[in-house]
Amino acid sequence: MGEKKHNFWIRTLTSVVYVAVMMGAIYSGRLTGNDALGWAILTALCLFVANGCAFEYYRIARSCGSNPNQPIGYAFTTLMTLLLSMPNGWYFNITILLIICVLMMPVTLLAELWRHSEKPFSDVLHTLLPVLYCGIPMGLMPMLHNEYNVLVPCIWLVWINDACAYMGGSLVGRHKMWVRHSPGKSWEGTAIGVVCSMVAAYFIGPKFAMDQHPGFWIAAGFICSVIGTLGDLCESMLKRSACVKDSGRLLPGHGGLLDRFDSLLMILPIVAVLVTLSYYLYLI
């Protein structure tokens, strides 16, 4: 009992610090009265998280027998995150994304010629996956906050979904959802999380961005719940393939950065697409 209580307080303290750092970085421009400084602070956090998640991914990949080219992976992850976060508009970001995607495959393949790897195909794929998996979502965070003001409500919706799914599953969960990858999740808890997230999105979303159509927020609530849950399952799949419990130890009581950002890494690119489509469909 004493150890459980100790772990509870460690997790709680870590969560408080985590929320304070996230919200502080996101609202740093408003707090300092300097938009440029705010962008720099938020982008610095995104770079740290993107490369931290890439580091944890490479650790998992190495434990499975792969040998990714980490310097190239970190370079492209940093480049992707930094350039996507530039406040130059959506079309500029899409152009940058395409250019980096075109360049990173031949560069990584050519680098393998000098590495004498026994599994070049596997190593190339494991080198580049974190660039897409971690770099793109983190690079989109400043744009989603500064230009569309949808980042904070989406983060809250992920947390609401997690809390409601956990409580609902604990109370009425009977049917396991995906025993192979996450034995603790139930269909009942997941359904409760989806409903709560969509309802919360309808009421919370307009408080942050009044110009958004209610239909957008209902869709965003569904995405944050369903895709966020799938993102958590995908990260669990990667860890179980390597027989590891946590992706890292940076966050006491919670594991690593991948453990905390797994949902957002899947959600943010889809939310960015939803924002773009909603403008074309005149939903907002």
C-alpha atoms as a PDB file:
ATOM      1  CA  MET A   1       0.000   0.000   0.000  1.00  0.00           C
ATOM      2  CA  GLY A   2       2.829   2.383   0.855  1.00  0.00           C
ATOM      3  CA  GLU A   3       4.549   1.771  -2.480  1.00  0.00           C
ATOM      4  CA  LYS A   4       1.307   2.321  -4.402  1.00  0.00           C
ATOM      5  CA  LYS A   5       0.714   5.589  -2.558  1.00  0.00           C
ATOM      6  CA  HIS A   6       4.282   6.671  -3.289  1.00  0.00           C
ATOM      7  CA  ASN A   7       3.865   5.857  -7.007  1.00  0.00           C
ATOM      8  CA  PHE A   8       0.562   7.731  -7.070  1.00  0.00           C
ATOM      9  CA  TRP A   9       2.142  10.916  -5.776  1.00  0.00           C
ATOM     10  CA  ILE A  10       5.082  10.572  -8.187  1.00  0.00           C
ATOM     11  CA  ARG A  11       2.686  10.211 -11.115  1.00  0.00           C
ATOM     12  CA  THR A  12       0.615  13.145  -9.886  1.00  0.00           C
ATOM     13  CA  LEU A  13       3.635  15.424  -9.479  1.00  0.00           C
ATOM     14  CA  THR A  14       4.955  14.441 -12.897  1.00  0.00           C
ATOM     15  CA  SER A  15       1.552  15.167 -14.436  1.00  0.00           C
ATOM     16  CA  VAL A  16       1.419  18.611 -12.827  1.00  0.00           C
ATOM     17  CA  VAL A  17       4.891  19.487 -14.115  1.00  0.00           C
ATOM     18  CA  TYR A  18       4.040  18.072 -17.548  1.00  0.00           C
ATOM     19  CA  VAL A  19       0.857  20.146 -17.852  1.00  0.00           C
ATOM     20  CA  ALA A  20       2.631  23.282 -16.581  1.00  0.00           C
ATOM     21  CA  VAL A  21       5.461  22.919 -19.108  1.00  0.00           C
ATOM     22  CA  MET A  22       3.084  22.218 -21.998  1.00  0.00           C
ATOM     23  CA  MET A  23       0.682  25.053 -21.260  1.00  0.00           C
ATOM     24  CA  GLY A  24       3.523  27.420 -20.361  1.00  0.00           C
ATOM     25  CA  ALA A  25       5.255  26.816 -23.695  1.00  0.00           C
ATOM     26  CA  ILE A  26       2.026  27.058 -25.696  1.00  0.00           C
ATOM     27  CA  TYR A  27       0.979  30.331 -24.058  1.00  0.00           C
ATOM     28  CA  SER A  28       4.499  31.759 -23.659  1.00  0.00           C
ATOM     29  CA  GLY A  29       3.859  34.360 -26.355  1.00  0.00           C
ATOM     30  CA  ARG A  30       0.820  35.676 -24.525  1.00  0.00           C
ATOM     31  CA  LEU A  31       2.545  35.508 -21.137  1.00  0.00           C
ATOM     32  CA  THR A  32       5.615  37.431 -22.332  1.00  0.00           C
ATOM     33  CA  GLY A  33       3.766  39.744 -24.701  1.00  0.00           C
ATOM     34  CA  ASN A  34       6.182  38.724 -27.442  1.00  0.00           C
ATOM     35  CA  ASP A  35       4.849  36.518 -30.242  1.00  0.00           C
ATOM     36  CA  ALA A  36       8.298  35.836 -31.699  1.00  0.00           C
ATOM     37  CA  LEU A  37       9.618  34.690 -28.328  1.00  0.00           C
ATOM     38  CA  GLY A  38       6.500  32.586 -27.825  1.00  0.00           C
ATOM     39  CA  TRP A  39       7.056  30.868 -31.170  1.00  0.00           C
ATOM     40  CA  ALA A  40      10.704  30.214 -30.269  1.00  0.00           C
ATOM     41  CA  ILE A  41       9.820  28.672 -26.881  1.00  0.00           C
ATOM     42  CA  LEU A  42       7.071  26.460 -28.297  1.00  0.00           C
ATOM     43  CA  THR A  43       9.272  25.385 -31.211  1.00  0.00           C
ATOM     44  CA  ALA A  44      12.118  24.570 -28.822  1.00  0.00           C
ATOM     45  CA  LEU A  45       9.767  22.312 -26.848  1.00  0.00           C
ATOM     46  CA  CYS A  46       8.590  20.665 -30.074  1.00  0.00           C
ATOM     47  CA  LEU A  47      12.198  20.028 -31.147  1.00  0.00           C
ATOM     48  CA  PHE A  48      12.997  18.512 -27.759  1.00  0.00           C
ATOM     49  CA  VAL A  49       9.939  16.239 -27.813  1.00  0.00           C
ATOM     50  CA  ALA A  50      10.404  15.207 -31.457  1.00  0.00           C
ATOM     51  CA  ASN A  51      14.046  14.217 -30.988  1.00  0.00           C
ATOM     52  CA  GLY A  52      13.341  12.690 -27.575  1.00  0.00           C
ATOM     53  CA  CYS A  53      10.633  10.493 -29.096  1.00  0.00           C
ATOM     54  CA  ALA A  54      12.994   9.612 -31.959  1.00  0.00           C
ATOM     55  CA  PHE A  55      15.686   8.648 -29.424  1.00  0.00           C
ATOM     56  CA  GLU A  56      13.259   6.316 -27.641  1.00  0.00           C
ATOM     57  CA  TYR A  57      12.096   4.831 -30.936  1.00  0.00           C
ATOM     58  CA  TYR A  58      15.690   4.122 -31.983  1.00  0.00           C
ATOM     59  CA  ARG A  59      16.302   2.444 -28.636  1.00  0.00           C
ATOM     60  CA  ILE A  60      13.337   0.142 -29.257  1.00  0.00           C
ATOM     61  CA  ALA A  61      14.474  -0.540 -32.831  1.00  0.00           C
ATOM     62  CA  ARG A  62      18.007  -1.440 -31.680  1.00  0.00           C
ATOM     63  CA  SER A  63      16.622  -3.876 -29.121  1.00  0.00           C
ATOM     64  CA  CYS A  64      14.855  -5.630 -32.020  1.00  0.00           C
ATOM     65  CA  GLY A  65      18.124  -6.098 -33.924  1.00  0.00           C
ATOM     66  CA  SER A  66      18.031  -3.069 -36.239  1.00  0.00           C
ATOM     67  CA  ASN A  67      20.813  -0.512 -36.543  1.00  0.00           C
ATOM     68  CA  PRO A  68      19.241   2.786 -37.662  1.00  0.00           C
ATOM     69  CA  ASN A  69      21.436   5.662 -38.805  1.00  0.00           C
ATOM     70  CA  GLN A  70      20.661   7.920 -35.859  1.00  0.00           C
ATOM     71  CA  PRO A  71      22.629  11.049 -36.881  1.00  0.00           C
ATOM     72  CA  ILE A  72      20.723  11.232 -40.170  1.00  0.00           C
ATOM     73  CA  GLY A  73      17.458  10.486 -38.377  1.00  0.00           C
ATOM     74  CA  TYR A  74      17.980  13.267 -35.844  1.00  0.00           C
ATOM     75  CA  ALA A  75      19.025  15.688 -38.587  1.00  0.00           C
ATOM     76  CA  PHE A  76      15.891  15.092 -40.662  1.00  0.00           C
ATOM     77  CA  THR A  77      13.646  15.049 -37.576  1.00  0.00           C
ATOM     78  CA  THR A  78      15.051  18.413 -36.488  1.00  0.00           C
ATOM     79  CA  LEU A  79      14.776  19.829 -40.011  1.00  0.00           C
ATOM     80  CA  MET A  80      11.206  18.601 -40.431  1.00  0.00           C
ATOM     81  CA  THR A  81      10.060  19.932 -37.053  1.00  0.00           C
ATOM     82  CA  LEU A  82      11.789  23.298 -37.384  1.00  0.00           C
ATOM     83  CA  LEU A  83      10.729  24.120 -40.937  1.00  0.00           C
ATOM     84  CA  LEU A  84       7.129  22.956 -40.506  1.00  0.00           C
ATOM     85  CA  SER A  85       6.818  25.185 -37.443  1.00  0.00           C
ATOM     86  CA  MET A  86       7.750  28.309 -39.422  1.00  0.00           C
ATOM     87  CA  PRO A  87       4.888  30.853 -39.448  1.00  0.00           C
ATOM     88  CA  ASN A  88       4.735  31.056 -43.235  1.00  0.00           C
ATOM     89  CA  GLY A  89       1.358  29.520 -43.946  1.00  0.00           C
ATOM     90  CA  TRP A  90      -0.022  26.102 -44.785  1.00  0.00           C
ATOM     91  CA  TYR A  91       1.151  26.009 -48.419  1.00  0.00           C
ATOM     92  CA  PHE A  92       4.727  26.768 -47.423  1.00  0.00           C
ATOM     93  CA  ASN A  93       4.593  23.967 -44.880  1.00  0.00           C
ATOM     94  CA  ILE A  94       3.250  21.497 -47.449  1.00  0.00           C
ATOM     95  CA  THR A  95       6.055  22.462 -49.853  1.00  0.00           C
ATOM     96  CA  ILE A  96       8.679  21.963 -47.147  1.00  0.00           C
ATOM     97  CA  LEU A  97       7.139  18.614 -46.210  1.00  0.00           C
ATOM     98  CA  LEU A  98       7.317  17.370 -49.795  1.00  0.00           C
ATOM     99  CA  ILE A  99      10.902  18.555 -50.290  1.00  0.00           C
ATOM    100  CA  ILE A 100      12.142  16.825 -47.135  1.00  0.00           C
ATOM    101  CA  CYS A 101      10.255  13.605 -47.967  1.00  0.00           C
ATOM    102  CA  VAL A 102      11.815  13.580 -51.447  1.00  0.00           C
ATOM    103  CA  LEU A 103      15.347  14.143 -50.132  1.00  0.00           C
ATOM    104  CA  MET A 104      15.485  11.937 -47.066  1.00  0.00           C
ATOM    105  CA  MET A 105      15.125   8.571 -48.820  1.00  0.00           C
ATOM    106  CA  PRO A 106      18.031   8.934 -51.297  1.00  0.00           C
ATOM    107  CA  VAL A 107      20.243  10.569 -48.656  1.00  0.00           C
ATOM    108  CA  THR A 108      19.653   7.737 -46.188  1.00  0.00           C
ATOM    109  CA  LEU A 109      20.098   5.057 -48.851  1.00  0.00           C
ATOM    110  CA  LEU A 110      23.377   6.565 -50.031  1.00  0.00           C
ATOM    111  CA  ALA A 111      24.632   6.738 -46.456  1.00  0.00           C
ATOM    112  CA  GLU A 112      24.035   2.983 -46.095  1.00  0.00           C
ATOM    113  CA  LEU A 113      26.709   2.332 -48.731  1.00  0.00           C
ATOM    114  CA  TRP A 114      29.360   3.302 -46.185  1.00  0.00           C
ATOM    115  CA  ARG A 115      27.809   1.575 -43.152  1.00  0.00           C
ATOM    116  CA  HIS A 116      28.207  -2.043 -44.324  1.00  0.00           C
ATOM    117  CA  SER A 117      24.904  -2.934 -42.690  1.00  0.00           C
ATOM    118  CA  GLU A 118      23.663  -6.509 -42.768  1.00  0.00           C
ATOM    119  CA  LYS A 119      20.030  -5.297 -42.935  1.00  0.00           C
ATOM    120  CA  PRO A 120      20.093  -2.102 -45.032  1.00  0.00           C
ATOM    121  CA  PHE A 121      16.389  -2.123 -45.881  1.00  0.00           C
ATOM    122  CA  SER A 122      15.358  -2.506 -42.254  1.00  0.00           C
ATOM    123  CA  ASP A 123      17.880   0.076 -41.091  1.00  0.00           C
ATOM    124  CA  VAL A 124      16.757   2.663 -43.664  1.00  0.00           C
ATOM    125  CA  LEU A 125      13.097   2.248 -42.738  1.00  0.00           C
ATOM    126  CA  HIS A 126      13.808   2.462 -39.009  1.00  0.00           C
ATOM    127  CA  THR A 127      15.961   5.539 -39.613  1.00  0.00           C
ATOM    128  CA  LEU A 128      13.217   7.415 -41.447  1.00  0.00           C
ATOM    129  CA  LEU A 129      10.079   6.342 -39.586  1.00  0.00           C
ATOM    130  CA  PRO A 130      10.658   8.684 -36.593  1.00  0.00           C
ATOM    131  CA  VAL A 131      11.013  11.617 -39.016  1.00  0.00           C
ATOM    132  CA  LEU A 132       7.422  11.030 -40.128  1.00  0.00           C
ATOM    133  CA  TYR A 133       6.107   9.645 -36.845  1.00  0.00           C
ATOM    134  CA  CYS A 134       7.609  12.316 -34.561  1.00  0.00           C
ATOM    135  CA  GLY A 135       8.858  15.207 -36.698  1.00  0.00           C
ATOM    136  CA  ILE A 136       5.679  16.024 -38.636  1.00  0.00           C
ATOM    137  CA  PRO A 137       3.255  16.154 -35.659  1.00  0.00           C
ATOM    138  CA  MET A 138       5.603  18.239 -33.528  1.00  0.00           C
ATOM    139  CA  GLY A 139       6.287  20.598 -36.427  1.00  0.00           C
ATOM    140  CA  LEU A 140       2.540  21.156 -36.871  1.00  0.00           C
ATOM    141  CA  MET A 141       1.949  22.166 -33.235  1.00  0.00           C
ATOM    142  CA  PRO A 142       2.927  25.867 -33.546  1.00  0.00           C
ATOM    143  CA  MET A 143       0.829  26.289 -36.707  1.00  0.00           C
ATOM    144  CA  LEU A 144      -2.235  24.621 -35.182  1.00  0.00           C
ATOM    145  CA  HIS A 145      -1.951  26.930 -32.167  1.00  0.00           C
ATOM    146  CA  ASN A 146      -0.898  30.243 -33.692  1.00  0.00           C
ATOM    147  CA  GLU A 147      -2.913  30.165 -36.920  1.00  0.00           C
ATOM    148  CA  TYR A 148      -5.985  28.088 -36.065  1.00  0.00           C
ATOM    149  CA  ASN A 149      -6.118  28.044 -32.248  1.00  0.00           C
ATOM    150  CA  VAL A 150      -7.145  24.369 -32.139  1.00  0.00           C
ATOM    151  CA  LEU A 151      -4.081  22.881 -30.435  1.00  0.00           C
ATOM    152  CA  VAL A 152      -5.046  23.436 -26.786  1.00  0.00           C
ATOM    153  CA  PRO A 153      -8.623  22.098 -27.070  1.00  0.00           C
ATOM    154  CA  CYS A 154      -7.308  19.011 -28.873  1.00  0.00           C
ATOM    155  CA  ILE A 155      -4.812  18.388 -26.075  1.00  0.00           C
ATOM    156  CA  TRP A 156      -7.569  18.737 -23.488  1.00  0.00           C
ATOM    157  CA  LEU A 157      -9.795  16.375 -25.469  1.00  0.00           C
ATOM    158  CA  VAL A 158      -7.076  13.722 -25.442  1.00  0.00           C
ATOM    159  CA  TRP A 159      -6.772  14.037 -21.661  1.00  0.00           C
ATOM    160  CA  ILE A 160     -10.558  13.965 -21.206  1.00  0.00           C
ATOM    161  CA  ASN A 161     -10.816  10.852 -23.368  1.00  0.00           C
ATOM    162  CA  ASP A 162      -8.059   9.081 -21.431  1.00  0.00           C
ATOM    163  CA  ALA A 163      -9.588   9.929 -18.047  1.00  0.00           C
ATOM    164  CA  CYS A 164     -13.168   9.007 -19.014  1.00  0.00           C
ATOM    165  CA  ALA A 165     -12.109   5.802 -20.797  1.00  0.00           C
ATOM    166  CA  TYR A 166     -10.080   4.749 -17.753  1.00  0.00           C
ATOM    167  CA  MET A 167     -12.870   5.477 -15.274  1.00  0.00           C
ATOM    168  CA  GLY A 168     -15.546   3.985 -17.503  1.00  0.00           C
ATOM    169  CA  GLY A 169     -13.497   0.856 -18.116  1.00  0.00           C
ATOM    170  CA  SER A 170     -12.837   0.480 -14.401  1.00  0.00           C
ATOM    171  CA  LEU A 171     -16.543   0.724 -13.586  1.00  0.00           C
ATOM    172  CA  VAL A 172     -18.298  -1.136 -16.400  1.00  0.00           C
ATOM    173  CA  GLY A 173     -15.546  -2.598 -18.581  1.00  0.00           C
ATOM    174  CA  ARG A 174     -16.219  -6.255 -19.344  1.00  0.00           C
ATOM    175  CA  HIS A 175     -14.989  -6.938 -22.876  1.00  0.00           C
ATOM    176  CA  LYS A 176     -11.314  -6.497 -23.616  1.00  0.00           C
ATOM    177  CA  MET A 177     -10.577  -4.398 -26.675  1.00  0.00           C
ATOM    178  CA  TRP A 178      -7.137  -5.518 -27.802  1.00  0.00           C
ATOM    179  CA  VAL A 179      -5.573  -7.985 -25.397  1.00  0.00           C
ATOM    180  CA  ARG A 180      -2.484  -8.514 -27.532  1.00  0.00           C
ATOM    181  CA  HIS A 181      -1.338  -4.885 -27.391  1.00  0.00           C
ATOM    182  CA  SER A 182      -3.135  -3.340 -24.404  1.00  0.00           C
ATOM    183  CA  PRO A 183      -4.916  -5.783 -22.066  1.00  0.00           C
ATOM    184  CA  GLY A 184      -6.200  -2.970 -19.855  1.00  0.00           C
ATOM    185  CA  LYS A 185      -8.451  -1.357 -22.478  1.00  0.00           C
ATOM    186  CA  SER A 186     -12.091  -2.394 -22.786  1.00  0.00           C
ATOM    187  CA  TRP A 187     -14.717  -1.694 -25.450  1.00  0.00           C
ATOM    188  CA  GLU A 188     -17.028  -0.193 -22.836  1.00  0.00           C
ATOM    189  CA  GLY A 189     -14.377   2.208 -21.537  1.00  0.00           C
ATOM    190  CA  THR A 190     -13.379   3.191 -25.064  1.00  0.00           C
ATOM    191  CA  ALA A 191     -16.998   3.918 -26.013  1.00  0.00           C
ATOM    192  CA  ILE A 192     -17.450   6.082 -22.909  1.00  0.00           C
ATOM    193  CA  GLY A 193     -14.272   7.958 -23.778  1.00  0.00           C
ATOM    194  CA  VAL A 194     -15.504   8.618 -27.333  1.00  0.00           C
ATOM    195  CA  VAL A 195     -18.871   9.961 -26.166  1.00  0.00           C
ATOM    196  CA  CYS A 196     -17.336  12.149 -23.453  1.00  0.00           C
ATOM    197  CA  SER A 197     -14.719  13.506 -25.844  1.00  0.00           C
ATOM    198  CA  MET A 198     -17.303  14.458 -28.482  1.00  0.00           C
ATOM    199  CA  VAL A 199     -19.590  16.104 -25.923  1.00  0.00           C
ATOM    200  CA  ALA A 200     -16.674  17.958 -24.362  1.00  0.00           C
ATOM    201  CA  ALA A 201     -15.497  19.073 -27.807  1.00  0.00           C
ATOM    202  CA  TYR A 202     -18.909  20.579 -28.574  1.00  0.00           C
ATOM    203  CA  PHE A 203     -18.806  22.723 -25.432  1.00  0.00           C
ATOM    204  CA  ILE A 204     -15.060  23.312 -24.939  1.00  0.00           C
ATOM    205  CA  GLY A 205     -13.935  23.905 -28.519  1.00  0.00           C
ATOM    206  CA  PRO A 206     -15.868  27.142 -29.153  1.00  0.00           C
ATOM    207  CA  LYS A 207     -14.414  28.618 -25.953  1.00  0.00           C
ATOM    208  CA  PHE A 208     -10.988  28.583 -27.622  1.00  0.00           C
ATOM    209  CA  ALA A 209     -11.953  29.341 -31.214  1.00  0.00           C
ATOM    210  CA  MET A 210     -15.404  30.884 -31.594  1.00  0.00           C
ATOM    211  CA  ASP A 211     -15.162  31.006 -35.397  1.00  0.00           C
ATOM    212  CA  GLN A 212     -15.051  27.211 -35.651  1.00  0.00           C
ATOM    213  CA  HIS A 213     -18.262  25.447 -36.690  1.00  0.00           C
ATOM    214  CA  PRO A 214     -19.748  23.027 -34.082  1.00  0.00           C
ATOM    215  CA  GLY A 215     -19.504  20.256 -36.696  1.00  0.00           C
ATOM    216  CA  PHE A 216     -15.762  20.735 -36.779  1.00  0.00           C
ATOM    217  CA  TRP A 217     -15.481  20.253 -33.031  1.00  0.00           C
ATOM    218  CA  ILE A 218     -17.657  17.139 -32.980  1.00  0.00           C
ATOM    219  CA  ALA A 219     -15.402  15.645 -35.664  1.00  0.00           C
ATOM    220  CA  ALA A 220     -12.326  16.780 -33.725  1.00  0.00           C
ATOM    221  CA  GLY A 221     -13.671  15.137 -30.564  1.00  0.00           C
ATOM    222  CA  PHE A 222     -14.158  11.875 -32.433  1.00  0.00           C
ATOM    223  CA  ILE A 223     -10.646  12.057 -33.910  1.00  0.00           C
ATOM    224  CA  CYS A 224      -9.014  12.896 -30.591  1.00  0.00           C
ATOM    225  CA  SER A 225     -10.735   9.942 -28.963  1.00  0.00           C
ATOM    226  CA  VAL A 226     -10.620   7.199 -31.595  1.00  0.00           C
ATOM    227  CA  ILE A 227      -7.336   8.081 -33.314  1.00  0.00           C
ATOM    228  CA  GLY A 228      -5.758   8.916 -29.958  1.00  0.00           C
ATOM    229  CA  THR A 229      -6.673   5.457 -28.651  1.00  0.00           C
ATOM    230  CA  LEU A 230      -5.275   3.830 -31.793  1.00  0.00           C
ATOM    231  CA  GLY A 231      -2.083   5.867 -31.409  1.00  0.00           C
ATOM    232  CA  ASP A 232      -1.691   4.518 -27.889  1.00  0.00           C
ATOM    233  CA  LEU A 233      -2.229   0.973 -29.174  1.00  0.00           C
ATOM    234  CA  CYS A 234       0.326   1.452 -31.942  1.00  0.00           C
ATOM    235  CA  GLU A 235       2.948   2.596 -29.450  1.00  0.00           C
ATOM    236  CA  SER A 236       2.110  -0.372 -27.210  1.00  0.00           C
ATOM    237  CA  MET A 237       2.566  -2.644 -30.229  1.00  0.00           C
ATOM    238  CA  LEU A 238       6.057  -1.251 -30.823  1.00  0.00           C
ATOM    239  CA  LYS A 239       7.031  -1.701 -27.168  1.00  0.00           C
ATOM    240  CA  ARG A 240       5.668  -5.229 -26.930  1.00  0.00           C
ATOM    241  CA  SER A 241       7.551  -6.230 -30.069  1.00  0.00           C
ATOM    242  CA  ALA A 242      10.723  -5.267 -28.203  1.00  0.00           C
ATOM    243  CA  CYS A 243       9.522  -6.694 -24.853  1.00  0.00           C
ATOM    244  CA  VAL A 244       9.821  -3.338 -23.053  1.00  0.00           C
ATOM    245  CA  LYS A 245       7.279  -1.871 -20.634  1.00  0.00           C
ATOM    246  CA  ASP A 246       8.059   1.839 -21.087  1.00  0.00           C
ATOM    247  CA  SER A 247       9.677   3.683 -23.976  1.00  0.00           C
ATOM    248  CA  GLY A 248      11.915   5.604 -21.557  1.00  0.00           C
ATOM    249  CA  ARG A 249      12.382   6.895 -18.022  1.00  0.00           C
ATOM    250  CA  LEU A 250      12.303  10.658 -18.500  1.00  0.00           C
ATOM    251  CA  LEU A 251       8.880  11.092 -16.865  1.00  0.00           C
ATOM    252  CA  PRO A 252       8.774   9.319 -13.480  1.00  0.00           C
ATOM    253  CA  GLY A 253       5.664   7.223 -13.101  1.00  0.00           C
ATOM    254  CA  HIS A 254       4.695   7.683 -16.758  1.00  0.00           C
ATOM    255  CA  GLY A 255       7.629   6.296 -18.734  1.00  0.00           C
ATOM    256  CA  GLY A 256       9.127   8.136 -21.675  1.00  0.00           C
ATOM    257  CA  LEU A 257       8.097  10.866 -24.096  1.00  0.00           C
ATOM    258  CA  LEU A 258       6.604   8.355 -26.512  1.00  0.00           C
ATOM    259  CA  ASP A 259       4.409   7.066 -23.705  1.00  0.00           C
ATOM    260  CA  ARG A 260       3.012  10.548 -23.105  1.00  0.00           C
ATOM    261  CA  PHE A 261       2.815  11.834 -26.693  1.00  0.00           C
ATOM    262  CA  ASP A 262       1.742   8.650 -28.507  1.00  0.00           C
ATOM    263  CA  SER A 263      -1.846   9.895 -28.945  1.00  0.00           C
ATOM    264  CA  LEU A 264      -0.886  13.395 -30.091  1.00  0.00           C
ATOM    265  CA  LEU A 265       1.601  12.044 -32.617  1.00  0.00           C
ATOM    266  CA  MET A 266      -1.273  10.334 -34.422  1.00  0.00           C
ATOM    267  CA  ILE A 267      -3.881  13.040 -33.877  1.00  0.00           C
ATOM    268  CA  LEU A 268      -2.155  16.269 -34.895  1.00  0.00           C
ATOM    269  CA  PRO A 269      -1.574  15.483 -38.615  1.00  0.00           C
ATOM    270  CA  ILE A 270      -5.201  14.360 -38.971  1.00  0.00           C
ATOM    271  CA  VAL A 271      -6.467  17.477 -37.183  1.00  0.00           C
ATOM    272  CA  ALA A 272      -4.352  19.584 -39.567  1.00  0.00           C
ATOM    273  CA  VAL A 273      -6.011  17.838 -42.518  1.00  0.00           C
ATOM    274  CA  LEU A 274      -9.437  18.342 -40.907  1.00  0.00           C
ATOM    275  CA  VAL A 275      -8.781  22.069 -40.492  1.00  0.00           C
ATOM    276  CA  THR A 276      -7.798  22.369 -44.153  1.00  0.00           C
ATOM    277  CA  LEU A 277     -10.754  20.342 -45.431  1.00  0.00           C
ATOM    278  CA  SER A 278     -13.195  22.237 -43.248  1.00  0.00           C
ATOM    279  CA  TYR A 279     -12.218  25.505 -44.906  1.00  0.00           C
ATOM    280  CA  TYR A 280     -12.789  24.004 -48.334  1.00  0.00           C
ATOM    281  CA  LEU A 281     -16.148  22.555 -47.239  1.00  0.00           C
ATOM    282  CA  TYR A 282     -17.194  25.862 -45.625  1.00  0.00           C
ATOM    283  CA  LEU A 283     -17.622  24.236 -42.221  1.00  0.00           C
ATOM    284  CA  ILE A 284     -15.685  27.042 -40.531  1.00  0.00           C
END
